[in-house]
């Protein structure tokens, strides 16, 4: 009887641990594109205080390109193209990952 309870207990806690690990891994990629680009805009504003009011994300990314290392700029450009197409009504909602955008946010000191 006790051995069976130990097995059930182990199975329950193992599944909880696996579920938590999966959730933590997906947390950043599940963020909606709008949230990611809002964070990117705030991070760019904070990092580059001399950006003009109403700057575009592309202007900020061009500035960041000079200082952020380890970013796949081609992939980031693709992510930005998909987001802008959705935002301005020319494409479907972005369902892909925004990994390079998130990496840029972290490289610039954002969270």
N, C-alpha and C. Protein backbone atom coordinates (compact mmCIF):
# COMPACT_ATOMS: atom_id res chain seq x y z
N UNK A 1 0.83 -1.19 0.00
CA UNK A 1 0.00 0.00 0.00
C UNK A 1 0.87 1.26 0.00
N UNK A 2 1.88 1.31 0.87
CA UNK A 2 2.75 2.49 0.93
C UNK A 2 3.58 2.63 -0.35
N UNK A 3 4.00 1.52 -0.91
CA UNK A 3 4.78 1.57 -2.14
C UNK A 3 3.93 2.15 -3.27
N UNK A 4 2.66 1.77 -3.32
CA UNK A 4 1.77 2.31 -4.35
C UNK A 4 1.58 3.81 -4.19
N UNK A 5 1.44 4.26 -2.95
CA UNK A 5 1.30 5.70 -2.70
C UNK A 5 2.56 6.46 -3.09
N UNK A 6 3.73 5.87 -2.85
CA UNK A 6 4.98 6.50 -3.24
C UNK A 6 5.07 6.64 -4.76
N UNK A 7 4.63 5.60 -5.46
CA UNK A 7 4.66 5.65 -6.92
C UNK A 7 3.71 6.73 -7.43
N UNK A 8 2.50 6.78 -6.88
CA UNK A 8 1.53 7.80 -7.29
C UNK A 8 2.05 9.19 -6.96
N UNK A 9 2.61 9.33 -5.76
CA UNK A 9 3.16 10.62 -5.34
C UNK A 9 4.28 11.05 -6.29
N UNK A 10 5.16 10.12 -6.63
CA UNK A 10 6.26 10.42 -7.54
C UNK A 10 5.75 10.83 -8.92
N UNK A 11 4.72 10.13 -9.39
CA UNK A 11 4.16 10.45 -10.70
C UNK A 11 3.51 11.83 -10.71
N UNK A 12 2.79 12.15 -9.65
CA UNK A 12 2.13 13.46 -9.57
C UNK A 12 3.16 14.58 -9.54
N UNK A 13 4.15 14.46 -8.68
CA UNK A 13 5.14 15.52 -8.56
C UNK A 13 6.02 15.61 -9.80
N UNK A 14 6.29 14.51 -10.45
CA UNK A 14 7.06 14.53 -11.69
C UNK A 14 6.30 15.26 -12.78
N UNK A 15 5.01 14.98 -12.90
CA UNK A 15 4.22 15.65 -13.93
C UNK A 15 4.11 17.15 -13.63
N UNK A 16 4.01 17.51 -12.36
CA UNK A 16 3.98 18.94 -12.01
C UNK A 16 5.30 19.62 -12.37
N UNK A 17 6.40 18.95 -12.09
CA UNK A 17 7.71 19.52 -12.40
C UNK A 17 7.89 19.67 -13.90
N UNK A 18 7.49 18.67 -14.66
CA UNK A 18 7.60 18.74 -16.12
C UNK A 18 6.71 19.85 -16.66
N UNK A 19 5.49 19.95 -16.14
CA UNK A 19 4.58 21.01 -16.58
C UNK A 19 5.14 22.39 -16.30
N UNK A 20 5.74 22.57 -15.14
CA UNK A 20 6.33 23.85 -14.78
C UNK A 20 7.51 24.17 -15.70
N UNK A 21 8.33 23.19 -15.97
CA UNK A 21 9.48 23.41 -16.85
C UNK A 21 9.01 23.81 -18.25
N UNK A 22 8.00 23.13 -18.77
CA UNK A 22 7.48 23.47 -20.10
C UNK A 22 6.90 24.88 -20.10
N UNK A 23 6.19 25.22 -19.05
CA UNK A 23 5.60 26.56 -18.98
C UNK A 23 6.66 27.64 -18.95
N UNK A 24 7.74 27.41 -18.20
CA UNK A 24 8.81 28.39 -18.14
C UNK A 24 9.51 28.53 -19.48
N UNK A 25 9.67 27.44 -20.20
CA UNK A 25 10.32 27.50 -21.51
C UNK A 25 9.44 28.20 -22.54
N UNK A 26 8.16 28.03 -22.45
CA UNK A 26 7.24 28.64 -23.42
C UNK A 26 6.87 30.06 -23.07
N UNK A 27 7.14 30.48 -21.86
CA UNK A 27 6.66 31.78 -21.40
C UNK A 27 7.06 32.91 -22.33
N UNK A 28 8.32 32.94 -22.74
CA UNK A 28 8.74 34.05 -23.59
C UNK A 28 8.20 33.94 -24.99
N UNK A 29 8.10 32.73 -25.54
CA UNK A 29 7.64 32.62 -26.91
C UNK A 29 6.13 32.74 -27.02
N UNK A 30 5.41 32.61 -25.92
CA UNK A 30 3.96 32.73 -25.95
C UNK A 30 3.47 34.16 -25.81
N UNK A 31 4.38 35.08 -25.54
CA UNK A 31 3.96 36.47 -25.42
C UNK A 31 3.36 36.92 -26.74
N UNK A 32 2.31 37.66 -26.66
CA UNK A 32 1.70 38.17 -27.88
C UNK A 32 2.64 39.18 -28.52
N UNK A 33 2.59 39.22 -29.83
CA UNK A 33 3.51 40.09 -30.56
C UNK A 33 3.39 41.54 -30.11
N UNK A 34 2.18 42.00 -29.86
CA UNK A 34 2.01 43.38 -29.42
C UNK A 34 2.73 43.67 -28.12
N UNK A 35 2.69 42.73 -27.21
CA UNK A 35 3.38 42.88 -25.93
C UNK A 35 4.89 42.93 -26.14
N UNK A 36 5.39 42.07 -27.00
CA UNK A 36 6.83 42.04 -27.27
C UNK A 36 7.29 43.37 -27.85
N UNK A 37 6.54 43.90 -28.81
CA UNK A 37 6.97 45.14 -29.45
C UNK A 37 6.72 46.36 -28.57
N UNK A 38 5.77 46.28 -27.66
CA UNK A 38 5.61 47.35 -26.66
C UNK A 38 6.83 47.36 -25.74
N UNK A 39 7.25 46.17 -25.32
CA UNK A 39 8.46 46.08 -24.48
C UNK A 39 9.69 46.57 -25.24
N UNK A 40 9.77 46.21 -26.52
CA UNK A 40 10.92 46.65 -27.31
C UNK A 40 10.93 48.18 -27.41
N UNK A 41 9.78 48.78 -27.67
CA UNK A 41 9.71 50.25 -27.75
C UNK A 41 10.13 50.91 -26.45
N UNK A 42 9.67 50.36 -25.33
CA UNK A 42 10.04 50.93 -24.02
C UNK A 42 11.53 50.76 -23.76
N UNK A 43 12.07 49.61 -24.14
CA UNK A 43 13.50 49.36 -23.93
C UNK A 43 14.34 50.28 -24.81
N UNK A 44 13.93 50.48 -26.05
CA UNK A 44 14.66 51.39 -26.94
C UNK A 44 14.62 52.82 -26.42
N UNK A 45 13.47 53.25 -25.92
CA UNK A 45 13.33 54.60 -25.36
C UNK A 45 14.25 54.78 -24.16
N UNK A 46 14.31 53.76 -23.33
CA UNK A 46 15.14 53.83 -22.13
C UNK A 46 16.64 53.82 -22.49
N UNK A 47 17.00 52.98 -23.44
CA UNK A 47 18.41 52.83 -23.80
C UNK A 47 18.92 53.99 -24.64
N UNK A 48 18.08 54.49 -25.53
CA UNK A 48 18.48 55.57 -26.44
C UNK A 48 17.57 56.77 -26.20
N UNK A 49 17.89 57.52 -25.18
CA UNK A 49 17.05 58.65 -24.77
C UNK A 49 16.96 59.74 -25.84
N UNK A 50 17.90 59.76 -26.77
CA UNK A 50 17.89 60.80 -27.80
C UNK A 50 17.03 60.44 -29.01
N UNK A 51 16.35 59.30 -28.99
CA UNK A 51 15.42 58.98 -30.08
C UNK A 51 14.29 60.01 -30.07
N UNK A 52 13.87 60.47 -31.23
CA UNK A 52 12.82 61.49 -31.27
C UNK A 52 11.48 60.94 -30.81
N UNK A 53 10.61 61.78 -30.27
CA UNK A 53 9.27 61.33 -29.90
C UNK A 53 8.57 60.76 -31.14
N UNK A 54 7.88 59.67 -30.96
CA UNK A 54 7.17 59.05 -32.07
C UNK A 54 8.06 58.27 -33.01
N UNK A 55 9.26 57.90 -32.56
CA UNK A 55 10.15 57.12 -33.41
C UNK A 55 9.50 55.79 -33.78
N UNK A 56 9.92 55.24 -34.90
CA UNK A 56 9.40 53.94 -35.30
C UNK A 56 10.30 52.86 -34.72
N UNK A 57 9.75 51.66 -34.62
CA UNK A 57 10.54 50.53 -34.13
C UNK A 57 11.75 50.33 -35.05
N UNK A 58 11.55 50.51 -36.34
CA UNK A 58 12.67 50.33 -37.29
C UNK A 58 13.79 51.34 -37.01
N UNK A 59 13.45 52.58 -36.68
CA UNK A 59 14.48 53.56 -36.33
C UNK A 59 15.24 53.13 -35.08
N UNK A 60 14.50 52.66 -34.10
CA UNK A 60 15.14 52.21 -32.87
C UNK A 60 16.01 50.99 -33.09
N UNK A 61 15.54 50.06 -33.91
CA UNK A 61 16.32 48.85 -34.21
C UNK A 61 17.59 49.23 -34.97
N UNK A 62 17.50 50.20 -35.87
CA UNK A 62 18.69 50.65 -36.60
C UNK A 62 19.73 51.20 -35.63
N UNK A 63 19.28 51.91 -34.63
CA UNK A 63 20.19 52.44 -33.61
C UNK A 63 20.77 51.31 -32.76
N UNK A 64 19.94 50.35 -32.42
CA UNK A 64 20.39 49.23 -31.59
C UNK A 64 21.38 48.34 -32.32
N UNK A 65 21.27 48.31 -33.62
CA UNK A 65 22.14 47.45 -34.43
C UNK A 65 23.61 47.78 -34.20
N UNK A 66 23.89 49.02 -33.88
CA UNK A 66 25.27 49.45 -33.66
C UNK A 66 25.84 48.95 -32.34
N UNK A 67 24.96 48.64 -31.38
CA UNK A 67 25.47 48.30 -30.05
C UNK A 67 25.14 46.89 -29.57
N UNK A 68 24.15 46.24 -30.14
CA UNK A 68 23.74 44.91 -29.66
C UNK A 68 24.48 43.84 -30.46
N UNK A 69 25.08 42.92 -29.75
CA UNK A 69 25.83 41.83 -30.38
C UNK A 69 25.04 40.52 -30.22
N UNK A 70 25.31 39.58 -31.10
CA UNK A 70 24.72 38.25 -30.99
C UNK A 70 23.28 38.16 -31.48
N UNK A 71 22.85 39.12 -32.26
CA UNK A 71 21.48 39.13 -32.78
C UNK A 71 21.51 38.72 -34.25
N UNK A 72 20.61 37.84 -34.63
CA UNK A 72 20.46 37.48 -36.03
C UNK A 72 19.55 38.54 -36.65
N UNK A 73 20.14 39.54 -37.28
CA UNK A 73 19.40 40.70 -37.76
C UNK A 73 18.45 40.36 -38.89
N UNK A 74 18.78 39.33 -39.68
CA UNK A 74 17.88 38.92 -40.76
C UNK A 74 16.60 38.33 -40.17
N UNK A 75 16.75 37.48 -39.16
CA UNK A 75 15.58 36.90 -38.50
C UNK A 75 14.76 37.98 -37.80
N UNK A 76 15.44 38.90 -37.13
CA UNK A 76 14.73 39.98 -36.45
C UNK A 76 13.95 40.82 -37.45
N UNK A 77 14.54 41.08 -38.61
CA UNK A 77 13.86 41.86 -39.64
C UNK A 77 12.61 41.12 -40.11
N UNK A 78 12.71 39.80 -40.25
CA UNK A 78 11.55 39.00 -40.65
C UNK A 78 10.45 39.06 -39.61
N UNK A 79 10.83 38.97 -38.33
CA UNK A 79 9.85 39.06 -37.24
C UNK A 79 9.15 40.42 -37.27
N UNK A 80 9.93 41.46 -37.48
CA UNK A 80 9.39 42.82 -37.53
C UNK A 80 8.47 43.00 -38.74
N UNK A 81 8.84 42.43 -39.88
CA UNK A 81 7.99 42.52 -41.08
C UNK A 81 6.64 41.87 -40.83
N UNK A 82 6.64 40.68 -40.21
CA UNK A 82 5.39 39.97 -39.93
C UNK A 82 4.52 40.77 -38.96
N UNK A 83 5.14 41.32 -37.91
CA UNK A 83 4.39 42.11 -36.94
C UNK A 83 3.78 43.35 -37.58
N UNK A 84 4.59 44.07 -38.37
CA UNK A 84 4.08 45.29 -39.00
C UNK A 84 2.97 44.98 -40.00
N UNK A 85 3.08 43.89 -40.73
CA UNK A 85 2.03 43.51 -41.67
C UNK A 85 0.72 43.28 -40.92
N UNK A 86 0.81 42.61 -39.77
CA UNK A 86 -0.39 42.40 -38.96
C UNK A 86 -0.90 43.73 -38.40
N UNK A 87 -0.01 44.51 -37.84
CA UNK A 87 -0.41 45.75 -37.17
C UNK A 87 -1.08 46.73 -38.12
N UNK A 88 -0.60 46.79 -39.33
CA UNK A 88 -1.13 47.75 -40.29
C UNK A 88 -2.13 47.12 -41.26
N UNK A 89 -2.60 45.91 -40.94
CA UNK A 89 -3.70 45.31 -41.67
C UNK A 89 -3.35 44.58 -42.95
N UNK A 90 -2.08 44.32 -43.18
CA UNK A 90 -1.70 43.64 -44.42
C UNK A 90 -1.38 42.17 -44.25
N UNK A 91 -1.57 41.63 -43.07
CA UNK A 91 -1.22 40.23 -42.87
C UNK A 91 -1.95 39.63 -41.69
N UNK A 92 -1.83 38.31 -41.56
CA UNK A 92 -2.47 37.63 -40.43
C UNK A 92 -1.74 37.92 -39.13
N UNK A 93 -2.38 37.60 -38.04
CA UNK A 93 -1.77 37.79 -36.73
C UNK A 93 -0.51 36.95 -36.63
N UNK A 94 0.52 37.52 -36.06
CA UNK A 94 1.79 36.82 -35.90
C UNK A 94 1.61 35.67 -34.92
N UNK A 95 1.92 34.48 -35.40
CA UNK A 95 1.85 33.31 -34.53
C UNK A 95 3.22 32.71 -34.31
N UNK A 96 4.22 33.27 -34.96
CA UNK A 96 5.57 32.73 -34.83
C UNK A 96 6.27 33.24 -33.59
N UNK A 97 7.42 32.71 -33.39
CA UNK A 97 8.24 33.14 -32.26
C UNK A 97 8.85 34.50 -32.56
N UNK A 98 9.11 35.21 -31.52
CA UNK A 98 9.81 36.50 -31.62
C UNK A 98 11.13 36.40 -30.86
N UNK A 99 11.83 35.28 -31.08
CA UNK A 99 13.03 35.00 -30.30
C UNK A 99 14.11 36.06 -30.46
N UNK A 100 14.37 36.48 -31.68
CA UNK A 100 15.43 37.48 -31.88
C UNK A 100 15.03 38.83 -31.29
N UNK A 101 13.75 39.16 -31.36
CA UNK A 101 13.28 40.41 -30.77
C UNK A 101 13.44 40.36 -29.26
N UNK A 102 13.10 39.22 -28.67
CA UNK A 102 13.27 39.06 -27.22
C UNK A 102 14.76 39.10 -26.85
N UNK A 103 15.59 38.50 -27.69
CA UNK A 103 17.02 38.53 -27.44
C UNK A 103 17.55 39.97 -27.49
N UNK A 104 17.03 40.77 -28.44
CA UNK A 104 17.44 42.16 -28.53
C UNK A 104 17.02 42.94 -27.29
N UNK A 105 15.80 42.69 -26.81
CA UNK A 105 15.33 43.36 -25.60
C UNK A 105 16.27 43.06 -24.44
N UNK A 106 16.63 41.79 -24.28
CA UNK A 106 17.56 41.42 -23.20
C UNK A 106 18.93 42.05 -23.41
N UNK A 107 19.42 42.07 -24.66
CA UNK A 107 20.74 42.65 -24.94
C UNK A 107 20.80 44.14 -24.63
N UNK A 108 19.65 44.81 -24.76
CA UNK A 108 19.60 46.24 -24.48
C UNK A 108 19.30 46.56 -23.02
N UNK A 109 19.16 45.52 -22.21
CA UNK A 109 18.91 45.73 -20.79
C UNK A 109 17.46 45.67 -20.38
N UNK A 110 16.59 45.28 -21.28
CA UNK A 110 15.18 45.13 -20.94
C UNK A 110 14.91 43.76 -20.33
N UNK A 111 13.71 43.58 -19.85
CA UNK A 111 13.38 42.28 -19.23
C UNK A 111 12.32 41.58 -19.98
